[in-house]
mmCIF file of all heavy atoms, coordinates in Angstrom:
data_MODEL
# 
_entry.id   MODEL 
# 
loop_
_atom_site.group_PDB 
_atom_site.id 
_atom_site.type_symbol 
_atom_site.label_atom_id 
_atom_site.label_alt_id 
_atom_site.label_comp_id 
_atom_site.label_asym_id 
_atom_site.label_entity_id 
_atom_site.label_seq_id 
_atom_site.pdbx_PDB_ins_code 
_atom_site.Cartn_x 
_atom_site.Cartn_y 
_atom_site.Cartn_z 
_atom_site.occupancy 
_atom_site.B_iso_or_equiv 
_atom_site.pdbx_formal_charge 
_atom_site.auth_seq_id 
_atom_site.auth_comp_id 
_atom_site.auth_asym_id 
_atom_site.auth_atom_id 
_atom_site.pdbx_PDB_model_num 
ATOM 1   N N   . GLY A 1 1  ? 7.442   3.301   7.425   1.00 0.00 ? 1  GLY A N   1 
ATOM 2   C CA  . GLY A 1 1  ? 7.764   4.714   7.270   1.00 0.00 ? 1  GLY A CA  1 
ATOM 3   C C   . GLY A 1 1  ? 9.111   4.999   6.663   1.00 0.00 ? 1  GLY A C   1 
ATOM 4   O O   . GLY A 1 1  ? 9.539   6.155   6.600   1.00 0.00 ? 1  GLY A O   1 
ATOM 5   N N   . ALA A 1 2  ? 9.834   3.970   6.215   1.00 0.00 ? 2  ALA A N   1 
ATOM 6   C CA  . ALA A 1 2  ? 11.118  4.196   5.557   1.00 0.00 ? 2  ALA A CA  1 
ATOM 7   C C   . ALA A 1 2  ? 10.936  4.731   4.147   1.00 0.00 ? 2  ALA A C   1 
ATOM 8   O O   . ALA A 1 2  ? 11.864  5.279   3.560   1.00 0.00 ? 2  ALA A O   1 
ATOM 9   C CB  . ALA A 1 2  ? 11.928  2.904   5.522   1.00 0.00 ? 2  ALA A CB  1 
ATOM 10  N N   . VAL A 1 3  ? 9.748   4.548   3.599   1.00 0.00 ? 3  VAL A N   1 
ATOM 11  C CA  . VAL A 1 3  ? 9.444   4.962   2.236   1.00 0.00 ? 3  VAL A CA  1 
ATOM 12  C C   . VAL A 1 3  ? 8.191   5.834   2.241   1.00 0.00 ? 3  VAL A C   1 
ATOM 13  O O   . VAL A 1 3  ? 7.199   5.489   2.883   1.00 0.00 ? 3  VAL A O   1 
ATOM 14  C CB  . VAL A 1 3  ? 9.219   3.724   1.332   1.00 0.00 ? 3  VAL A CB  1 
ATOM 15  C CG1 . VAL A 1 3  ? 8.695   4.125   -0.034  1.00 0.00 ? 3  VAL A CG1 1 
ATOM 16  C CG2 . VAL A 1 3  ? 10.514  2.937   1.190   1.00 0.00 ? 3  VAL A CG2 1 
ATOM 17  N N   . ASP A 1 4  ? 8.265   6.964   1.547   1.00 0.00 ? 4  ASP A N   1 
ATOM 18  C CA  . ASP A 1 4  ? 7.102   7.850   1.435   1.00 0.00 ? 4  ASP A CA  1 
ATOM 19  C C   . ASP A 1 4  ? 6.168   7.416   0.309   1.00 0.00 ? 4  ASP A C   1 
ATOM 20  O O   . ASP A 1 4  ? 4.952   7.508   0.424   1.00 0.00 ? 4  ASP A O   1 
ATOM 21  C CB  . ASP A 1 4  ? 7.551   9.290   1.169   1.00 0.00 ? 4  ASP A CB  1 
ATOM 22  C CG  . ASP A 1 4  ? 8.413   9.830   2.286   1.00 0.00 ? 4  ASP A CG  1 
ATOM 23  O OD1 . ASP A 1 4  ? 8.051   9.623   3.458   1.00 0.00 ? 4  ASP A OD1 1 
ATOM 24  O OD2 . ASP A 1 4  ? 9.441   10.466  2.003   1.00 0.00 ? 4  ASP A OD2 1 
ATOM 25  N N   . ILE A 1 5  ? 6.763   6.966   -0.800  1.00 0.00 ? 5  ILE A N   1 
ATOM 26  C CA  . ILE A 1 5  ? 5.984   6.508   -1.950  1.00 0.00 ? 5  ILE A CA  1 
ATOM 27  C C   . ILE A 1 5  ? 6.528   5.161   -2.396  1.00 0.00 ? 5  ILE A C   1 
ATOM 28  O O   . ILE A 1 5  ? 7.732   5.020   -2.639  1.00 0.00 ? 5  ILE A O   1 
ATOM 29  C CB  . ILE A 1 5  ? 6.059   7.503   -3.124  1.00 0.00 ? 5  ILE A CB  1 
ATOM 30  C CG1 . ILE A 1 5  ? 5.380   8.821   -2.744  1.00 0.00 ? 5  ILE A CG1 1 
ATOM 31  C CG2 . ILE A 1 5  ? 5.403   6.926   -4.371  1.00 0.00 ? 5  ILE A CG2 1 
ATOM 32  C CD1 . ILE A 1 5  ? 5.445   9.879   -3.826  1.00 0.00 ? 5  ILE A CD1 1 
ATOM 33  N N   . ALA A 1 6  ? 5.674   4.160   -2.475  1.00 0.00 ? 6  ALA A N   1 
ATOM 34  C CA  . ALA A 1 6  ? 6.043   2.845   -2.990  1.00 0.00 ? 6  ALA A CA  1 
ATOM 35  C C   . ALA A 1 6  ? 5.507   2.755   -4.412  1.00 0.00 ? 6  ALA A C   1 
ATOM 36  O O   . ALA A 1 6  ? 4.310   2.816   -4.639  1.00 0.00 ? 6  ALA A O   1 
ATOM 37  C CB  . ALA A 1 6  ? 5.450   1.736   -2.116  1.00 0.00 ? 6  ALA A CB  1 
ATOM 38  N N   . TYR A 1 7  ? 6.424   2.604   -5.372  1.00 0.00 ? 7  TYR A N   1 
ATOM 39  C CA  . TYR A 1 7  ? 6.025   2.663   -6.781  1.00 0.00 ? 7  TYR A CA  1 
ATOM 40  C C   . TYR A 1 7  ? 6.751   1.590   -7.579  1.00 0.00 ? 7  TYR A C   1 
ATOM 41  O O   . TYR A 1 7  ? 7.978   1.589   -7.661  1.00 0.00 ? 7  TYR A O   1 
ATOM 42  C CB  . TYR A 1 7  ? 6.360   4.059   -7.326  1.00 0.00 ? 7  TYR A CB  1 
ATOM 43  C CG  . TYR A 1 7  ? 6.008   4.258   -8.779  1.00 0.00 ? 7  TYR A CG  1 
ATOM 44  C CD1 . TYR A 1 7  ? 4.688   4.188   -9.195  1.00 0.00 ? 7  TYR A CD1 1 
ATOM 45  C CD2 . TYR A 1 7  ? 6.992   4.522   -9.716  1.00 0.00 ? 7  TYR A CD2 1 
ATOM 46  C CE1 . TYR A 1 7  ? 4.360   4.378   -10.520 1.00 0.00 ? 7  TYR A CE1 1 
ATOM 47  C CE2 . TYR A 1 7  ? 6.676   4.717   -11.039 1.00 0.00 ? 7  TYR A CE2 1 
ATOM 48  C CZ  . TYR A 1 7  ? 5.355   4.640   -11.442 1.00 0.00 ? 7  TYR A CZ  1 
ATOM 49  O OH  . TYR A 1 7  ? 5.035   4.824   -12.765 1.00 0.00 ? 7  TYR A OH  1 
ATOM 50  N N   . GLN A 1 8  ? 6.018   0.641   -8.116  1.00 0.00 ? 8  GLN A N   1 
ATOM 51  C CA  . GLN A 1 8  ? 6.589   -0.377  -8.987  1.00 0.00 ? 8  GLN A CA  1 
ATOM 52  C C   . GLN A 1 8  ? 7.622   -1.249  -8.258  1.00 0.00 ? 8  GLN A C   1 
ATOM 53  O O   . GLN A 1 8  ? 8.762   -0.851  -8.116  1.00 0.00 ? 8  GLN A O   1 
ATOM 54  C CB  . GLN A 1 8  ? 7.222   0.267   -10.210 1.00 0.00 ? 8  GLN A CB  1 
ATOM 55  C CG  . GLN A 1 8  ? 6.267   0.966   -11.134 1.00 0.00 ? 8  GLN A CG  1 
ATOM 56  C CD  . GLN A 1 8  ? 5.416   0.017   -11.953 1.00 0.00 ? 8  GLN A CD  1 
ATOM 57  O OE1 . GLN A 1 8  ? 5.898   -1.012  -12.440 1.00 0.00 ? 8  GLN A OE1 1 
ATOM 58  N NE2 . GLN A 1 8  ? 4.168   0.330   -12.135 1.00 0.00 ? 8  GLN A NE2 1 
ATOM 59  N N   . SER A 1 9  ? 7.318   -2.422  -7.862  1.00 0.00 ? 9  SER A N   1 
ATOM 60  C CA  . SER A 1 9  ? 6.035   -3.092  -8.042  1.00 0.00 ? 9  SER A CA  1 
ATOM 61  C C   . SER A 1 9  ? 5.755   -3.903  -6.778  1.00 0.00 ? 9  SER A C   1 
ATOM 62  O O   . SER A 1 9  ? 6.660   -4.548  -6.239  1.00 0.00 ? 9  SER A O   1 
ATOM 63  C CB  . SER A 1 9  ? 6.080   -4.044  -9.222  1.00 0.00 ? 9  SER A CB  1 
ATOM 64  O OG  . SER A 1 9  ? 6.309   -3.367  -10.443 1.00 0.00 ? 9  SER A OG  1 
ATOM 65  N N   . LEU A 1 10 ? 4.532   -3.862  -6.334  1.00 0.00 ? 10 LEU A N   1 
ATOM 66  C CA  . LEU A 1 10 ? 4.095   -4.631  -5.179  1.00 0.00 ? 10 LEU A CA  1 
ATOM 67  C C   . LEU A 1 10 ? 3.281   -5.832  -5.644  1.00 0.00 ? 10 LEU A C   1 
ATOM 68  O O   . LEU A 1 10 ? 2.694   -5.818  -6.733  1.00 0.00 ? 10 LEU A O   1 
ATOM 69  C CB  . LEU A 1 10 ? 3.256   -3.762  -4.247  1.00 0.00 ? 10 LEU A CB  1 
ATOM 70  C CG  . LEU A 1 10 ? 3.995   -2.596  -3.568  1.00 0.00 ? 10 LEU A CG  1 
ATOM 71  C CD1 . LEU A 1 10 ? 2.997   -1.648  -2.927  1.00 0.00 ? 10 LEU A CD1 1 
ATOM 72  C CD2 . LEU A 1 10 ? 4.983   -3.125  -2.538  1.00 0.00 ? 10 LEU A CD2 1 
ATOM 73  N N   . LEU A 1 11 ? 3.225   -6.863  -4.819  1.00 0.00 ? 11 LEU A N   1 
ATOM 74  C CA  . LEU A 1 11 ? 2.431   -8.043  -5.146  1.00 0.00 ? 11 LEU A CA  1 
ATOM 75  C C   . LEU A 1 11 ? 0.955   -7.750  -4.924  1.00 0.00 ? 11 LEU A C   1 
ATOM 76  O O   . LEU A 1 11 ? 0.584   -6.884  -4.122  1.00 0.00 ? 11 LEU A O   1 
ATOM 77  C CB  . LEU A 1 11 ? 2.871   -9.218  -4.277  1.00 0.00 ? 11 LEU A CB  1 
ATOM 78  C CG  . LEU A 1 11 ? 4.332   -9.662  -4.434  1.00 0.00 ? 11 LEU A CG  1 
ATOM 79  C CD1 . LEU A 1 11 ? 4.643   -10.784 -3.453  1.00 0.00 ? 11 LEU A CD1 1 
ATOM 80  C CD2 . LEU A 1 11 ? 4.623   -10.074 -5.862  1.00 0.00 ? 11 LEU A CD2 1 
ATOM 81  N N   . ALA A 1 12 ? 0.116   -8.495  -5.614  1.00 0.00 ? 12 ALA A N   1 
ATOM 82  C CA  . ALA A 1 12 ? -1.326  -8.255  -5.546  1.00 0.00 ? 12 ALA A CA  1 
ATOM 83  C C   . ALA A 1 12 ? -1.878  -8.299  -4.119  1.00 0.00 ? 12 ALA A C   1 
ATOM 84  O O   . ALA A 1 12 ? -2.666  -7.425  -3.740  1.00 0.00 ? 12 ALA A O   1 
ATOM 85  C CB  . ALA A 1 12 ? -2.060  -9.260  -6.440  1.00 0.00 ? 12 ALA A CB  1 
ATOM 86  N N   . PRO A 1 13 ? -1.509  -9.276  -3.261  1.00 0.00 ? 13 PRO A N   1 
ATOM 87  C CA  . PRO A 1 13 ? -2.022  -9.266  -1.877  1.00 0.00 ? 13 PRO A CA  1 
ATOM 88  C C   . PRO A 1 13 ? -1.575  -8.017  -1.100  1.00 0.00 ? 13 PRO A C   1 
ATOM 89  O O   . PRO A 1 13 ? -2.321  -7.513  -0.257  1.00 0.00 ? 13 PRO A O   1 
ATOM 90  C CB  . PRO A 1 13 ? -1.429  -10.539 -1.261  1.00 0.00 ? 13 PRO A CB  1 
ATOM 91  C CG  . PRO A 1 13 ? -1.138  -11.424 -2.428  1.00 0.00 ? 13 PRO A CG  1 
ATOM 92  C CD  . PRO A 1 13 ? -0.723  -10.503 -3.523  1.00 0.00 ? 13 PRO A CD  1 
ATOM 93  N N   . GLN A 1 14 ? -0.357  -7.548  -1.374  1.00 0.00 ? 14 GLN A N   1 
ATOM 94  C CA  . GLN A 1 14 ? 0.122   -6.329  -0.712  1.00 0.00 ? 14 GLN A CA  1 
ATOM 95  C C   . GLN A 1 14 ? -0.690  -5.113  -1.156  1.00 0.00 ? 14 GLN A C   1 
ATOM 96  O O   . GLN A 1 14 ? -1.051  -4.255  -0.341  1.00 0.00 ? 14 GLN A O   1 
ATOM 97  C CB  . GLN A 1 14 ? 1.607   -6.128  -1.017  1.00 0.00 ? 14 GLN A CB  1 
ATOM 98  C CG  . GLN A 1 14 ? 2.495   -7.244  -0.475  1.00 0.00 ? 14 GLN A CG  1 
ATOM 99  C CD  . GLN A 1 14 ? 3.890   -7.206  -1.051  1.00 0.00 ? 14 GLN A CD  1 
ATOM 100 O OE1 . GLN A 1 14 ? 4.157   -6.534  -2.050  1.00 0.00 ? 14 GLN A OE1 1 
ATOM 101 N NE2 . GLN A 1 14 ? 4.805   -7.948  -0.426  1.00 0.00 ? 14 GLN A NE2 1 
ATOM 102 N N   . VAL A 1 15 ? -0.959  -5.038  -2.449  1.00 0.00 ? 15 VAL A N   1 
ATOM 103 C CA  . VAL A 1 15 ? -1.771  -3.934  -2.972  1.00 0.00 ? 15 VAL A CA  1 
ATOM 104 C C   . VAL A 1 15 ? -3.156  -3.951  -2.346  1.00 0.00 ? 15 VAL A C   1 
ATOM 105 O O   . VAL A 1 15 ? -3.692  -2.914  -1.944  1.00 0.00 ? 15 VAL A O   1 
ATOM 106 C CB  . VAL A 1 15 ? -1.867  -4.022  -4.512  1.00 0.00 ? 15 VAL A CB  1 
ATOM 107 C CG1 . VAL A 1 15 ? -2.874  -3.001  -5.040  1.00 0.00 ? 15 VAL A CG1 1 
ATOM 108 C CG2 . VAL A 1 15 ? -0.503  -3.805  -5.143  1.00 0.00 ? 15 VAL A CG2 1 
ATOM 109 N N   . ARG A 1 16 ? -3.730  -5.140  -2.252  1.00 0.00 ? 16 ARG A N   1 
ATOM 110 C CA  . ARG A 1 16 ? -5.071  -5.260  -1.668  1.00 0.00 ? 16 ARG A CA  1 
ATOM 111 C C   . ARG A 1 16 ? -5.078  -4.775  -0.218  1.00 0.00 ? 16 ARG A C   1 
ATOM 112 O O   . ARG A 1 16 ? -5.984  -4.045  0.205   1.00 0.00 ? 16 ARG A O   1 
ATOM 113 C CB  . ARG A 1 16 ? -5.550  -6.711  -1.753  1.00 0.00 ? 16 ARG A CB  1 
ATOM 114 C CG  . ARG A 1 16 ? -6.979  -6.924  -1.229  1.00 0.00 ? 16 ARG A CG  1 
ATOM 115 C CD  . ARG A 1 16 ? -7.509  -8.302  -1.605  1.00 0.00 ? 16 ARG A CD  1 
ATOM 116 N NE  . ARG A 1 16 ? -6.690  -9.367  -1.052  1.00 0.00 ? 16 ARG A NE  1 
ATOM 117 C CZ  . ARG A 1 16 ? -5.962  -10.202 -1.798  1.00 0.00 ? 16 ARG A CZ  1 
ATOM 118 N NH1 . ARG A 1 16 ? -5.947  -10.066 -3.115  1.00 0.00 ? 16 ARG A NH1 1 
ATOM 119 N NH2 . ARG A 1 16 ? -5.264  -11.157 -1.233  1.00 0.00 ? 16 ARG A NH2 1 
ATOM 120 N N   . LYS A 1 17 ? -4.066  -5.151  0.550   1.00 0.00 ? 17 LYS A N   1 
ATOM 121 C CA  . LYS A 1 17 ? -3.981  -4.729  1.946   1.00 0.00 ? 17 LYS A CA  1 
ATOM 122 C C   . LYS A 1 17 ? -3.828  -3.207  2.051   1.00 0.00 ? 17 LYS A C   1 
ATOM 123 O O   . LYS A 1 17 ? -4.491  -2.553  2.876   1.00 0.00 ? 17 LYS A O   1 
ATOM 124 C CB  . LYS A 1 17 ? -2.801  -5.423  2.634   1.00 0.00 ? 17 LYS A CB  1 
ATOM 125 C CG  . LYS A 1 17 ? -2.718  -5.157  4.146   1.00 0.00 ? 17 LYS A CG  1 
ATOM 126 C CD  . LYS A 1 17 ? -1.599  -5.976  4.767   1.00 0.00 ? 17 LYS A CD  1 
ATOM 127 C CE  . LYS A 1 17 ? -1.635  -5.923  6.291   1.00 0.00 ? 17 LYS A CE  1 
ATOM 128 N NZ  . LYS A 1 17 ? -1.465  -4.579  6.824   1.00 0.00 ? 17 LYS A NZ  1 
ATOM 129 N N   . LEU A 1 18 ? -2.974  -2.638  1.209   1.00 0.00 ? 18 LEU A N   1 
ATOM 130 C CA  . LEU A 1 18 ? -2.765  -1.191  1.252   1.00 0.00 ? 18 LEU A CA  1 
ATOM 131 C C   . LEU A 1 18 ? -4.021  -0.429  0.841   1.00 0.00 ? 18 LEU A C   1 
ATOM 132 O O   . LEU A 1 18 ? -4.329  0.631   1.390   1.00 0.00 ? 18 LEU A O   1 
ATOM 133 C CB  . LEU A 1 18 ? -1.590  -0.807  0.356   1.00 0.00 ? 18 LEU A CB  1 
ATOM 134 C CG  . LEU A 1 18 ? -0.211  -1.276  0.823   1.00 0.00 ? 18 LEU A CG  1 
ATOM 135 C CD1 . LEU A 1 18 ? 0.861   -0.912  -0.206  1.00 0.00 ? 18 LEU A CD1 1 
ATOM 136 C CD2 . LEU A 1 18 ? 0.140   -0.675  2.176   1.00 0.00 ? 18 LEU A CD2 1 
ATOM 137 N N   . ARG A 1 19 ? -4.756  -0.964  -0.123  1.00 0.00 ? 19 ARG A N   1 
ATOM 138 C CA  . ARG A 1 19 ? -6.000  -0.308  -0.548  1.00 0.00 ? 19 ARG A CA  1 
ATOM 139 C C   . ARG A 1 19 ? -7.020  -0.322  0.588   1.00 0.00 ? 19 ARG A C   1 
ATOM 140 O O   . ARG A 1 19 ? -7.725  0.661   0.810   1.00 0.00 ? 19 ARG A O   1 
ATOM 141 C CB  . ARG A 1 19 ? -6.567  -1.007  -1.787  1.00 0.00 ? 19 ARG A CB  1 
ATOM 142 C CG  . ARG A 1 19 ? -5.738  -0.794  -3.029  1.00 0.00 ? 19 ARG A CG  1 
ATOM 143 C CD  . ARG A 1 19 ? -6.216  -1.635  -4.186  1.00 0.00 ? 19 ARG A CD  1 
ATOM 144 N NE  . ARG A 1 19 ? -7.428  -1.104  -4.782  1.00 0.00 ? 19 ARG A NE  1 
ATOM 145 C CZ  . ARG A 1 19 ? -8.052  -1.690  -5.806  1.00 0.00 ? 19 ARG A CZ  1 
ATOM 146 N NH1 . ARG A 1 19 ? -7.581  -2.800  -6.319  1.00 0.00 ? 19 ARG A NH1 1 
ATOM 147 N NH2 . ARG A 1 19 ? -9.145  -1.151  -6.312  1.00 0.00 ? 19 ARG A NH2 1 
ATOM 148 N N   . THR A 1 20 ? -7.088  -1.452  1.300   1.00 0.00 ? 20 THR A N   1 
ATOM 149 C CA  . THR A 1 20 ? -8.017  -1.542  2.430   1.00 0.00 ? 20 THR A CA  1 
ATOM 150 C C   . THR A 1 20 ? -7.637  -0.538  3.511   1.00 0.00 ? 20 THR A C   1 
ATOM 151 O O   . THR A 1 20 ? -8.498  0.165   4.056   1.00 0.00 ? 20 THR A O   1 
ATOM 152 C CB  . THR A 1 20 ? -7.989  -2.966  3.020   1.00 0.00 ? 20 THR A CB  1 
ATOM 153 O OG1 . THR A 1 20 ? -8.405  -3.895  2.011   1.00 0.00 ? 20 THR A OG1 1 
ATOM 154 C CG2 . THR A 1 20 ? -8.932  -3.068  4.210   1.00 0.00 ? 20 THR A CG2 1 
ATOM 155 N N   . GLU A 1 21 ? -6.344  -0.449  3.813   1.00 0.00 ? 21 GLU A N   1 
ATOM 156 C CA  . GLU A 1 21 ? -5.899  0.471   4.855   1.00 0.00 ? 21 GLU A CA  1 
ATOM 157 C C   . GLU A 1 21 ? -5.965  1.923   4.403   1.00 0.00 ? 21 GLU A C   1 
ATOM 158 O O   . GLU A 1 21 ? -6.118  2.831   5.227   1.00 0.00 ? 21 GLU A O   1 
ATOM 159 C CB  . GLU A 1 21 ? -4.484  0.094   5.286   1.00 0.00 ? 21 GLU A CB  1 
ATOM 160 C CG  . GLU A 1 21 ? -4.442  -1.265  5.985   1.00 0.00 ? 21 GLU A CG  1 
ATOM 161 C CD  . GLU A 1 21 ? -3.036  -1.735  6.297   1.00 0.00 ? 21 GLU A CD  1 
ATOM 162 O OE1 . GLU A 1 21 ? -2.093  -1.247  5.655   1.00 0.00 ? 21 GLU A OE1 1 
ATOM 163 O OE2 . GLU A 1 21 ? -2.891  -2.596  7.185   1.00 0.00 ? 21 GLU A OE2 1 
ATOM 164 N N   . ALA A 1 22 ? -5.868  2.163   3.097   1.00 0.00 ? 22 ALA A N   1 
ATOM 165 C CA  . ALA A 1 22 ? -6.035  3.527   2.591   1.00 0.00 ? 22 ALA A CA  1 
ATOM 166 C C   . ALA A 1 22 ? -7.459  4.008   2.832   1.00 0.00 ? 22 ALA A C   1 
ATOM 167 O O   . ALA A 1 22 ? -7.688  5.182   3.151   1.00 0.00 ? 22 ALA A O   1 
ATOM 168 C CB  . ALA A 1 22 ? -5.704  3.578   1.107   1.00 0.00 ? 22 ALA A CB  1 
ATOM 169 N N   . ALA A 1 23 ? -8.414  3.093   2.690   1.00 0.00 ? 23 ALA A N   1 
ATOM 170 C CA  . ALA A 1 23 ? -9.805  3.456   2.943   1.00 0.00 ? 23 ALA A CA  1 
ATOM 171 C C   . ALA A 1 23 ? -10.037 3.807   4.411   1.00 0.00 ? 23 ALA A C   1 
ATOM 172 O O   . ALA A 1 23 ? -10.990 4.515   4.754   1.00 0.00 ? 23 ALA A O   1 
ATOM 173 C CB  . ALA A 1 23 ? -10.719 2.301   2.535   1.00 0.00 ? 23 ALA A CB  1 
ATOM 174 N N   . GLN A 1 24 ? -9.128  3.333   5.280   1.00 0.00 ? 24 GLN A N   1 
ATOM 175 C CA  . GLN A 1 24 ? -9.200  3.643   6.705   1.00 0.00 ? 24 GLN A CA  1 
ATOM 176 C C   . GLN A 1 24 ? -8.428  4.912   7.063   1.00 0.00 ? 24 GLN A C   1 
ATOM 177 O O   . GLN A 1 24 ? -8.338  5.290   8.221   1.00 0.00 ? 24 GLN A O   1 
ATOM 178 C CB  . GLN A 1 24 ? -8.652  2.463   7.517   1.00 0.00 ? 24 GLN A CB  1 
ATOM 179 C CG  . GLN A 1 24 ? -9.413  1.160   7.290   1.00 0.00 ? 24 GLN A CG  1 
ATOM 180 C CD  . GLN A 1 24 ? -8.686  -0.056  7.860   1.00 0.00 ? 24 GLN A CD  1 
ATOM 181 O OE1 . GLN A 1 24 ? -7.599  0.066   8.433   1.00 0.00 ? 24 GLN A OE1 1 
ATOM 182 N NE2 . GLN A 1 24 ? -9.294  -1.237  7.724   1.00 0.00 ? 24 GLN A NE2 1 
ATOM 183 N N   . GLY A 1 25 ? -7.848  5.552   6.043   1.00 0.00 ? 25 GLY A N   1 
ATOM 184 C CA  . GLY A 1 25 ? -7.149  6.811   6.251   1.00 0.00 ? 25 GLY A CA  1 
ATOM 185 C C   . GLY A 1 25 ? -5.695  6.693   6.645   1.00 0.00 ? 25 GLY A C   1 
ATOM 186 O O   . GLY A 1 25 ? -5.074  7.682   7.055   1.00 0.00 ? 25 GLY A O   1 
ATOM 187 N N   . LYS A 1 26 ? -5.103  5.492   6.521   1.00 0.00 ? 26 LYS A N   1 
ATOM 188 C CA  . LYS A 1 26 ? -3.711  5.312   6.927   1.00 0.00 ? 26 LYS A CA  1 
ATOM 189 C C   . LYS A 1 26 ? -2.733  5.906   5.922   1.00 0.00 ? 26 LYS A C   1 
ATOM 190 O O   . LYS A 1 26 ? -1.660  6.368   6.275   1.00 0.00 ? 26 LYS A O   1 
ATOM 191 C CB  . LYS A 1 26 ? -3.406  3.829   7.140   1.00 0.00 ? 26 LYS A CB  1 
ATOM 192 C CG  . LYS A 1 26 ? -4.086  3.229   8.366   1.00 0.00 ? 26 LYS A CG  1 
ATOM 193 C CD  . LYS A 1 26 ? -3.614  1.801   8.602   1.00 0.00 ? 26 LYS A CD  1 
ATOM 194 C CE  . LYS A 1 26 ? -4.218  1.219   9.871   1.00 0.00 ? 26 LYS A CE  1 
ATOM 195 N NZ  . LYS A 1 26 ? -3.733  -0.166  10.123  1.00 0.00 ? 26 LYS A NZ  1 
# 
């Protein structure tokens, strides 16, 4: 929660995890 928007650049495994959790409404 220290960051509202993470933009440029995350690693591919991190992106995959965030996409999965986004589908869960996080």
